[in-house]
Protein backbone atom coordinates (compact mmCIF):
# COMPACT_ATOMS: atom_id res chain seq x y z
CA UNK A 1 0.00 0.01 -0.24
CA UNK A 2 1.00 3.43 -0.59
CA UNK A 3 1.08 6.13 1.80
CA UNK A 4 1.96 9.29 -0.16
CA UNK A 5 -0.98 8.88 -2.00
CA UNK A 6 -3.78 11.10 -0.78
CA UNK A 7 -7.80 10.72 -1.11
CA UNK A 8 -9.03 11.45 -4.36
CA UNK A 9 -11.74 14.34 -5.10
CA UNK A 10 -14.38 12.58 -7.28
CA UNK A 11 -17.72 13.44 -5.43
CA UNK A 12 -20.32 15.97 -6.52
CA UNK A 13 -22.92 17.53 -4.67
CA UNK A 14 -25.61 14.86 -5.28
CA UNK A 15 -23.39 12.29 -4.02
CA UNK A 16 -22.54 13.93 -1.25
CA UNK A 17 -26.20 14.41 -0.22
CA UNK A 18 -27.31 10.92 -0.80
CA UNK A 19 -24.25 9.77 1.40
CA UNK A 20 -24.95 12.06 4.25
CA UNK A 21 -29.09 10.64 3.96
CA UNK A 22 -27.87 7.33 3.63
CA UNK A 23 -25.92 7.46 7.09
CA UNK A 24 -28.87 8.96 8.87
CA UNK A 25 -31.04 6.84 7.06
CA UNK A 26 -34.82 8.69 6.60
CA UNK A 27 -36.49 5.45 7.58
CA UNK A 28 -35.02 5.90 11.22
CA UNK A 29 -38.22 7.72 11.51
CA UNK A 30 -40.07 4.66 12.05
CA UNK A 31 -37.50 3.11 13.76
CA UNK A 32 -37.81 5.59 16.82
CA UNK A 33 -41.32 6.09 16.23
CA UNK A 34 -43.00 4.54 19.34
CA UNK A 35 -40.17 5.95 21.80
CA UNK A 36 -40.15 9.14 20.64
CA UNK A 37 -44.22 9.43 20.12
CA UNK A 38 -44.15 9.23 24.10
CA UNK A 39 -41.56 11.46 24.84
CA UNK A 40 -43.16 13.67 23.05
CA UNK A 41 -46.89 13.16 24.65
CA UNK A 42 -48.37 12.61 20.96
CA UNK A 43 -46.95 15.77 19.90
CA UNK A 44 -44.32 14.56 17.17
CA UNK A 45 -44.78 17.43 14.66
CA UNK A 46 -43.73 19.77 17.28
CA UNK A 47 -40.82 17.77 18.53
CA UNK A 48 -39.11 17.38 15.30
CA UNK A 49 -39.58 21.30 14.65
CA UNK A 50 -38.07 21.99 17.55
CA UNK A 51 -35.26 19.66 16.87
CA UNK A 52 -34.47 20.83 13.32
CA UNK A 53 -34.34 24.36 15.27
CA UNK A 54 -31.35 23.02 17.42
CA UNK A 55 -30.13 21.02 14.71
CA UNK A 56 -30.10 23.93 11.99
CA UNK A 57 -27.69 26.21 14.03
CA UNK A 58 -25.14 23.30 14.34
CA UNK A 59 -25.45 23.05 10.62
CA UNK A 60 -24.95 26.23 10.17
CA UNK A 61 -21.55 26.42 12.56
CA UNK A 62 -20.22 23.00 10.39
CA UNK A 63 -20.81 24.85 7.12
CA UNK A 64 -18.68 27.75 8.40
CA UNK A 65 -15.93 25.36 9.88
CA UNK A 66 -15.89 22.72 6.49
CA UNK A 67 -14.76 26.39 4.56
CA UNK A 68 -12.11 27.45 7.04
CA UNK A 69 -10.95 23.58 6.98
CA UNK A 70 -11.82 21.93 3.78
CA UNK A 71 -10.07 18.57 5.30
CA UNK A 72 -11.58 15.45 6.88
CA UNK A 73 -11.52 15.29 10.43
CA UNK A 74 -15.18 16.59 11.01
CA UNK A 75 -15.62 18.18 14.52
CA UNK A 76 -11.95 16.95 16.24
CA UNK A 77 -10.21 19.03 13.42
CA UNK A 78 -12.49 22.04 13.64
CA UNK A 79 -11.81 22.27 17.38
CA UNK A 80 -8.37 21.41 17.45
CA UNK A 81 -7.58 24.18 14.88
CA UNK A 82 -9.94 26.66 16.18
CA UNK A 83 -9.81 25.99 20.19
CA UNK A 84 -6.84 24.01 21.19
CA UNK A 85 -5.22 20.87 20.52
CA UNK A 86 -6.33 19.39 23.94
CA UNK A 87 -9.84 20.25 23.07
CA UNK A 88 -9.58 18.64 19.89
CA UNK A 89 -8.08 15.62 20.81
CA UNK A 90 -11.21 14.91 23.35
CA UNK A 91 -13.63 15.71 21.32
CA UNK A 92 -12.04 13.46 18.46
CA UNK A 93 -11.64 10.99 21.33
CA UNK A 94 -15.75 11.43 21.81
CA UNK A 95 -16.61 11.33 18.08
CA UNK A 96 -14.45 8.23 17.97
CA UNK A 97 -17.56 6.58 20.03
CA UNK A 98 -20.13 7.86 17.68
CA UNK A 99 -18.36 7.03 14.09
CA UNK A 100 -17.29 3.53 15.38
CA UNK A 101 -20.32 2.41 16.88
CA UNK A 102 -22.52 3.48 13.83
CA UNK A 103 -21.64 0.82 11.86
CA UNK A 104 -22.41 -1.50 14.60
CA UNK A 105 -25.64 -0.36 15.08
CA UNK A 106 -26.48 -0.72 11.33
CA UNK A 107 -25.14 -4.04 11.59
CA UNK A 108 -26.78 -5.17 14.10
CA UNK A 109 -30.38 -3.65 13.03
CA UNK A 110 -29.98 -5.53 9.70
CA UNK A 111 -29.28 -8.83 11.50
CA UNK A 112 -32.59 -8.17 13.98
CA UNK A 113 -34.56 -7.54 11.19
CA UNK A 114 -33.11 -10.21 8.70
CA UNK A 115 -33.79 -12.94 11.61
CA UNK A 116 -37.27 -11.62 12.42
CA UNK A 117 -37.76 -12.44 8.45
CA UNK A 118 -35.83 -15.72 8.22
CA UNK A 119 -36.08 -17.13 12.15
CA UNK A 120 -33.92 -20.13 10.89
CA UNK A 121 -30.76 -18.12 10.15
CA UNK A 122 -29.41 -16.63 13.55
CA UNK A 123 -28.47 -13.17 13.88
CA UNK A 124 -24.74 -13.79 14.28
CA UNK A 125 -24.66 -14.93 10.77
CA UNK A 126 -26.58 -11.82 9.18
CA UNK A 127 -23.51 -9.41 10.83
CA UNK A 128 -21.01 -11.56 9.77
CA UNK A 129 -22.55 -11.52 5.94
CA UNK A 130 -23.06 -8.07 6.78
CA UNK A 131 -19.38 -7.12 7.71
CA UNK A 132 -18.11 -8.36 4.60
CA UNK A 133 -20.39 -6.74 2.17
CA UNK A 134 -20.21 -3.44 3.65
CA UNK A 135 -16.26 -4.06 3.46
CA UNK A 136 -15.98 -4.98 -0.06
CA UNK A 137 -18.14 -2.27 -1.26
CA UNK A 138 -15.86 0.71 0.95
CA UNK A 139 -12.97 -0.68 -0.83
CA UNK A 140 -13.67 -1.08 -3.88
CA UNK A 141 -14.31 2.92 -4.06
CA UNK A 142 -16.21 5.92 -2.66
CA UNK A 143 -17.85 6.27 -5.62
CA UNK A 144 -19.35 3.08 -5.65
CA UNK A 145 -20.57 3.71 -2.07
CA UNK A 146 -22.06 6.73 -3.52
CA UNK A 147 -24.39 5.03 -6.01
CA UNK A 148 -25.22 2.40 -3.23
CA UNK A 149 -26.44 5.26 -1.35
CA UNK A 150 -28.06 6.86 -3.59
CA UNK A 151 -30.53 4.26 -4.87
CA UNK A 152 -31.31 3.48 -1.04
CA UNK A 153 -32.18 6.85 -0.52
CA UNK A 154 -34.41 7.30 -3.25
CA UNK A 155 -36.41 4.06 -2.34
CA UNK A 156 -36.50 5.37 1.11
CA UNK A 157 -38.29 8.71 0.16
CA UNK A 158 -40.26 6.57 -2.47
CA UNK A 159 -42.00 4.60 0.87
CA UNK A 160 -42.36 8.27 2.81
CA UNK A 161 -44.04 9.66 0.09
CA UNK A 162 -46.01 6.25 -0.81
CA UNK A 163 -46.92 6.68 3.05
CA UNK A 164 -47.89 10.39 3.41
CA UNK A 165 -50.24 9.90 0.13
CA UNK A 166 -51.79 7.01 1.67
CA UNK A 167 -52.47 8.65 4.82
CA UNK A 168 -53.34 11.79 3.18
CA UNK A 169 -55.95 10.42 0.65
CA UNK A 170 -57.67 8.70 4.01
CA UNK A 171 -57.95 12.25 5.65
CA UNK A 172 -59.28 14.13 2.17
CA UNK A 173 -61.79 10.81 1.85
CA UNK A 174 -62.75 11.00 5.36
CA UNK A 175 -62.14 7.73 6.43
CA UNK A 176 -59.88 8.43 9.57
CA UNK A 177 -62.31 10.86 10.98
CA UNK A 178 -60.46 13.57 10.72
CA UNK A 179 -61.99 16.92 9.29
CA UNK A 180 -59.40 19.07 7.43
CA UNK A 181 -56.01 18.26 6.20
CA UNK A 182 -55.21 21.51 7.65
CA UNK A 183 -54.90 21.32 11.76
CA UNK A 184 -52.85 23.17 14.59
CA UNK A 185 -53.35 20.27 16.58
CA UNK A 186 -50.33 18.31 15.57
CA UNK A 187 -48.61 21.21 17.34
CA UNK A 188 -50.68 22.28 20.27
CA UNK A 189 -52.16 20.10 22.94
CA UNK A 190 -53.78 21.54 26.12
CA UNK A 191 -52.58 18.17 27.94
CA UNK A 192 -49.42 18.55 26.60
CA UNK A 193 -46.66 21.02 27.99
CA UNK A 194 -43.76 22.64 26.20
CA UNK A 195 -41.28 20.45 28.22
CA UNK A 196 -42.59 17.26 27.52
CA UNK A 197 -41.91 18.72 23.58
CA UNK A 198 -38.61 19.22 24.40
CA UNK A 199 -38.11 16.23 25.69
CA UNK A 200 -39.19 14.35 22.38
CA UNK A 201 -37.02 16.88 20.99
CA UNK A 202 -34.01 15.97 22.59
CA UNK A 203 -34.62 12.34 21.64
CA UNK A 204 -35.74 12.90 18.36
CA UNK A 205 -32.35 14.89 17.32
CA UNK A 206 -30.94 11.24 17.31
CA UNK A 207 -32.83 11.25 14.05
CA UNK A 208 -30.70 14.12 12.35
CA UNK A 209 -27.58 12.40 13.25
CA UNK A 210 -25.34 12.10 10.28
CA UNK A 211 -25.34 15.14 8.47
CA UNK A 212 -22.26 15.86 9.94
CA UNK A 213 -20.65 12.84 8.53
CA UNK A 214 -20.08 14.22 4.91
CA UNK A 215 -17.60 16.71 6.13
CA UNK A 216 -15.26 13.44 6.82
CA UNK A 217 -15.65 13.54 3.02
CA UNK A 218 -14.38 17.04 2.20
CA UNK A 219 -10.97 15.93 0.90
CA UNK A 220 -12.88 13.59 -1.74
CA UNK A 221 -15.36 16.02 -2.84
CA UNK A 222 -15.35 18.44 -5.70
CA UNK A 223 -14.88 22.16 -4.53
CA UNK A 224 -15.49 20.85 -0.87
CA UNK A 225 -15.90 24.89 0.39
CA UNK A 226 -18.77 25.26 -1.68
CA UNK A 227 -20.37 21.64 -2.05
CA UNK A 228 -19.98 20.60 1.67
CA UNK A 229 -21.80 23.64 2.95
CA UNK A 230 -24.65 22.93 0.61
CA UNK A 231 -24.96 19.29 1.08
CA UNK A 232 -25.34 19.96 5.12
CA UNK A 233 -28.30 22.56 4.76
CA UNK A 234 -29.75 20.05 1.77
CA UNK A 235 -29.42 16.75 4.29
CA UNK A 236 -30.82 18.77 7.09
CA UNK A 237 -33.71 20.47 5.29
CA UNK A 238 -34.70 17.60 3.39
CA UNK A 239 -34.58 15.29 6.51
CA UNK A 240 -36.97 17.92 8.83
CA UNK A 241 -39.31 17.86 5.75
CA UNK A 242 -39.70 14.03 5.59
CA UNK A 243 -39.82 13.85 9.81
CA UNK A 244 -42.35 16.52 9.99
CA UNK A 245 -44.37 15.95 7.24
CA UNK A 246 -45.38 12.11 8.44
CA UNK A 247 -45.78 13.55 12.23
CA UNK A 248 -48.61 16.05 10.83
CA UNK A 249 -50.30 13.85 8.73
CA UNK A 250 -50.35 10.92 10.85
CA UNK A 251 -51.50 12.77 13.52
CA UNK A 252 -53.97 14.31 11.94
CA UNK A 253 -55.22 11.35 10.67
CA UNK A 254 -54.98 9.23 13.55
CA UNK A 255 -55.15 11.83 16.69
CA UNK A 256 -56.11 8.77 19.25
CA UNK A 257 -53.44 6.08 17.84
CA UNK A 258 -52.36 3.66 20.42
CA UNK A 259 -49.81 1.06 20.50
CA UNK A 260 -48.77 -1.59 23.45
CA UNK A 261 -45.21 -2.14 22.35
CA UNK A 262 -42.55 -0.07 21.35
CA UNK A 263 -40.73 -1.46 19.23
CA UNK A 264 -43.56 -2.37 16.71
CA UNK A 265 -45.29 0.53 17.15
CA UNK A 266 -44.06 1.93 13.60
CA UNK A 267 -45.32 -1.97 11.90
CA UNK A 268 -48.64 -1.39 13.84
CA UNK A 269 -49.15 2.43 12.13
CA UNK A 270 -48.07 1.27 8.81
CA UNK A 271 -50.56 -1.84 8.65
CA UNK A 272 -53.12 0.48 9.72
CA UNK A 273 -52.39 2.95 7.04
CA UNK A 274 -51.44 0.21 4.22
CA UNK A 275 -52.34 -3.38 5.71
CA UNK A 276 -50.35 -6.14 5.04
CA UNK A 277 -49.27 -4.98 1.55
CA UNK A 278 -47.72 -1.73 2.93
CA UNK A 279 -46.25 -3.46 5.93
CA UNK A 280 -44.54 -5.66 3.16
CA UNK A 281 -43.11 -3.26 1.73
CA UNK A 282 -41.92 -1.77 5.27
CA UNK A 283 -40.17 -4.34 6.31
CA UNK A 284 -37.95 -4.60 2.78
CA UNK A 285 -37.54 -0.85 2.60
CA UNK A 286 -36.02 -1.09 6.46
CA UNK A 287 -33.42 -3.80 5.69
CA UNK A 288 -32.31 -2.04 2.69
CA UNK A 289 -32.22 1.33 4.74
CA UNK A 290 -29.85 -0.36 7.50
CA UNK A 291 -27.49 -2.01 4.97
CA UNK A 292 -26.70 1.37 3.37
CA UNK A 293 -26.29 3.46 6.60
CA UNK A 294 -23.81 0.41 6.77
CA UNK A 295 -22.10 1.59 3.55
CA UNK A 296 -21.97 5.17 4.37
CA UNK A 297 -21.37 4.80 8.24
CA UNK A 298 -18.17 2.53 7.55
CA UNK A 299 -17.13 5.20 4.77
CA UNK A 300 -17.13 7.94 7.15
CA UNK A 301 -15.29 6.35 10.18
CA UNK A 302 -12.53 5.09 7.98
CA UNK A 303 -12.33 8.74 6.57
CA UNK A 304 -12.12 10.12 10.17
CA UNK A 305 -9.64 7.52 11.72
CA UNK A 306 -7.33 8.59 8.36
CA UNK A 307 -7.31 12.21 9.73
CA UNK A 308 -6.59 10.65 13.36
CA UNK A 309 -3.64 8.83 11.67
CA UNK A 310 -2.38 11.50 9.66
CA UNK A 311 -2.67 14.10 12.82
CA UNK A 312 -0.55 11.28 14.75
CA UNK A 313 -3.22 10.41 17.00
CA UNK A 314 -3.77 6.91 16.23
CA UNK A 315 -0.66 5.42 14.78
CA UNK A 316 0.30 7.00 11.47
CA UNK A 317 1.80 4.21 9.35
CA UNK A 318 -1.13 2.28 9.44
CA UNK A 319 -4.45 4.24 9.78
CA UNK A 320 -3.16 6.58 6.93
CA UNK A 321 -2.46 3.85 4.21
CA UNK A 322 -3.96 3.78 1.17
CA UNK A 323 -4.75 1.31 -1.64
CA UNK A 324 -2.49 2.06 -4.57
CA UNK A 325 -5.18 0.75 -7.04
CA UNK A 326 -8.83 1.79 -5.32
CA UNK A 327 -7.69 5.02 -3.24
CA UNK A 328 -9.47 3.90 -0.29
CA UNK A 329 -8.23 3.18 3.38
CA UNK A 330 -8.34 -0.02 3.61
CA UNK A 331 -6.48 -0.79 6.51
CA UNK A 332 -9.18 1.67 8.55
CA UNK A 333 -11.97 -0.44 6.37
CA UNK A 334 -10.58 -3.94 7.44
CA UNK A 335 -10.26 -2.20 11.49
CA UNK A 336 -13.70 -1.20 11.29
CA UNK A 337 -14.87 -4.57 9.95
CA UNK A 338 -13.23 -6.25 12.93
CA UNK A 339 -14.31 -3.79 15.38
CA UNK A 340 -17.88 -3.98 13.95
CA UNK A 341 -17.89 -7.91 14.89
CA UNK A 342 -18.53 -6.87 18.31
CA UNK A 343 -22.18 -6.49 17.52
CA UNK A 344 -22.67 -10.23 18.07
CA UNK A 345 -22.04 -9.44 21.58
CA UNK A 346 -23.34 -5.42 22.10
CA UNK A 347 -26.96 -4.64 23.23
CA UNK A 348 -28.30 -2.13 20.71
CA UNK A 349 -29.29 0.73 23.53
CA UNK A 350 -25.62 0.45 24.41
CA UNK A 351 -24.44 1.14 21.08
CA UNK A 352 -26.92 4.15 20.62
CA UNK A 353 -25.91 5.85 23.96
CA UNK A 354 -22.43 5.85 22.58
CA UNK A 355 -23.15 7.14 19.52
CA UNK A 356 -25.54 10.00 21.29
CA UNK A 357 -23.02 10.93 23.54
CA UNK A 358 -20.38 11.66 20.93
CA UNK A 359 -22.62 13.68 18.51
CA UNK A 360 -23.83 15.82 20.57
CA UNK A 361 -20.37 16.33 22.15
CA UNK A 362 -18.80 17.18 19.07
CA UNK A 363 -21.58 19.43 17.88
CA UNK A 364 -21.54 21.47 20.97
CA UNK A 365 -17.59 22.39 20.58
CA UNK A 366 -18.17 22.97 16.73
CA UNK A 367 -20.36 25.60 17.65
CA UNK A 368 -17.91 26.81 20.07
CA UNK A 369 -15.19 26.80 17.42
CA UNK A 370 -17.18 29.06 15.33
CA UNK A 371 -16.61 31.66 17.87
CA UNK A 372 -13.16 30.63 18.58
CA UNK A 373 -12.13 30.93 14.88
CA UNK A 374 -14.12 33.88 13.54
CA UNK A 375 -15.37 36.12 16.31
CA UNK A 376 -12.43 35.85 18.71
CA UNK A 377 -9.12 35.01 16.46
CA UNK A 378 -10.04 36.56 12.73
CA UNK A 379 -12.07 39.41 14.53
CA UNK A 380 -15.29 39.62 12.46
CA UNK A 381 -17.22 41.65 14.80
CA UNK A 382 -19.42 43.65 12.84
CA UNK A 383 -23.17 43.83 13.70
CA UNK A 384 -23.83 40.91 11.00
CA UNK A 385 -20.78 39.01 11.83
CA UNK A 386 -21.77 39.11 15.47
CA UNK A 387 -24.85 37.71 14.67
CA UNK A 388 -23.09 34.88 12.53
CA UNK A 389 -20.26 34.21 14.50
CA UNK A 390 -20.95 34.75 17.94
CA UNK A 391 -24.94 35.05 18.21
CA UNK A 392 -26.02 31.82 15.90
CA UNK A 393 -23.34 29.44 17.07
CA UNK A 394 -23.76 30.38 20.72
CA UNK A 395 -27.43 29.46 20.63
CA UNK A 396 -26.41 26.06 18.81
CA UNK A 397 -24.02 25.30 21.67
CA UNK A 398 -26.19 26.42 24.12
CA UNK A 399 -29.31 23.98 22.74
CA UNK A 400 -27.32 21.11 22.03
CA UNK A 401 -25.04 21.33 25.50
CA UNK A 402 -28.62 21.47 27.33
CA UNK A 403 -29.74 18.71 25.27
CA UNK A 404 -26.61 16.75 26.34
CA UNK A 405 -27.42 17.36 29.80
CA UNK A 406 -30.69 15.35 29.05
CA UNK A 407 -29.27 12.41 28.27
CA UNK A 408 -29.50 9.80 30.93
CA UNK A 409 -27.05 9.35 33.77
CA UNK A 410 -25.83 5.90 32.55
CA UNK A 411 -25.42 7.47 29.05
CA UNK A 412 -23.31 10.43 30.84
CA UNK A 413 -21.42 7.95 32.98
CA UNK A 414 -20.16 5.98 30.05
CA UNK A 415 -19.37 8.61 27.95
CA UNK A 416 -17.12 10.62 30.94
CA UNK A 417 -15.48 7.04 31.26
CA UNK A 418 -14.82 7.12 27.46
CA UNK A 419 -13.05 10.56 27.65
CA UNK A 420 -10.95 9.12 31.16
CA UNK A 421 -9.68 6.06 29.09
CA UNK A 422 -8.72 9.00 26.26
CA UNK A 423 -7.02 11.10 28.77
CA UNK A 424 -4.76 7.92 30.09
CA UNK A 425 -4.24 6.91 26.33
CA UNK A 426 -2.91 10.69 25.44
CA UNK A 427 -1.04 10.37 28.94
CA UNK A 428 0.43 7.31 28.27
CA UNK A 429 1.19 8.04 24.74
CA UNK A 430 3.09 11.20 25.26
CA UNK A 431 5.39 9.50 27.96
CA UNK A 432 6.19 7.05 25.39
CA UNK A 433 7.13 9.89 22.70
CA UNK A 434 9.36 11.64 25.40
CA UNK A 435 10.73 8.43 26.26
CA UNK A 436 11.51 7.64 22.47
CA UNK A 437 13.07 11.54 21.94
CA UNK A 438 15.12 10.81 24.94
CA UNK A 439 16.57 7.47 23.64
CA UNK A 440 17.55 9.26 20.14
CA UNK A 441 19.32 11.88 22.01
CA UNK A 442 23.02 11.81 20.54
CA UNK A 443 25.63 11.91 23.21
CA UNK A 444 27.99 14.70 22.89
CA UNK A 445 31.61 13.92 21.10
CA UNK A 446 33.15 15.86 24.37
CA UNK A 447 31.65 13.19 26.64
CA UNK A 448 33.35 10.45 24.50
CA UNK A 449 36.67 11.50 25.35
CA UNK A 450 36.47 12.78 28.91
CA UNK A 451 35.70 9.08 30.52
CA UNK A 452 32.56 10.55 32.19
CA UNK A 453 29.62 8.79 31.97
CA UNK A 454 26.59 10.42 30.18
CA UNK A 455 23.41 10.32 31.20
CA UNK A 456 20.51 10.48 28.55
């Protein structure tokens, strides 16, 4: 493998958007439907709008920072360069949880769904199979991964559109008991408080995770300074429109919809809307969605590991090697495949906890990075620039930081433990580097002739 060859710029705007949406997985709306519905007190449309506002500020901050540093590395690079190397290291270490465990979530979910459809085949078999396919697709090249992601996203969007059309048709026909397509009921209810909506929004933010992943592809994107910011906003807006539309229509059509089990609440809803045929299509699309989420997740984490290797946070010789033919970080992809085998043993809820803590921590510091880089260092402080580089990112940091505190104690403890491991690793790595440097210090010539002992 060749370490001197860099990543090639081949991705266009639509490919980056598809990769981001595939990582986000629009069908995740249905995966978390039951839990989100209860957390938001039924006002899912209001909760999604609230979450969108919080995410929009952070998306803005990402778009600013990728213009300043259009290189792979995402929040790690931005925090390191704009705030402080130590802060950047800790953010990168926290973000590592997000990126490494995202493929595990996709692989584990795929295994669970496939085992549901084919009970005779154990979950671990599907996990191993998925791992092999993800590695192959990513090794042969970023463009092939983009094509696979594009097809998956189109299929998911088509299903969501079909679902919305069927619900709207029932509303118009009066089959659901709803009086009109237009209603404020999905946003306000006398028995639901604003605090309940905010709690729902904190959980629902998970559905937006993924728009930031495209920043790891900056070095493989044509005109990254323009393309990546556009892609970020398109991804967030497209996702928000889909999520709010589904929430609004289903709440108007079925205001009294209830379910007994969180896990199959979405399946019950789909069956209510379109019967067995639509529910069968739903399962197929959901399986495809989890597969391509895995493809995009492996792409992102392998590029993130490449950035950490180049910065010597991780061993550079291994993590920065690029395959001479495929121009992809094959070592990183294989490393992720080995780690992802832990999906055989790990609990899905635990993996989600890792992702949530890492992502929200990174989001908070990206907002802070905008303030540090533009407002403090570059002194961009006109009235307009004060809003752009102080007020907006401060609002984003405050909102996301507050959501971070709403995570349960177990999540926060796991996250803090992971950060502590990062501190220990950094300390040992620094001591080892100092010892190696002292060992390589040459002995002064005069000491060789003086007969004195020279202590290194």
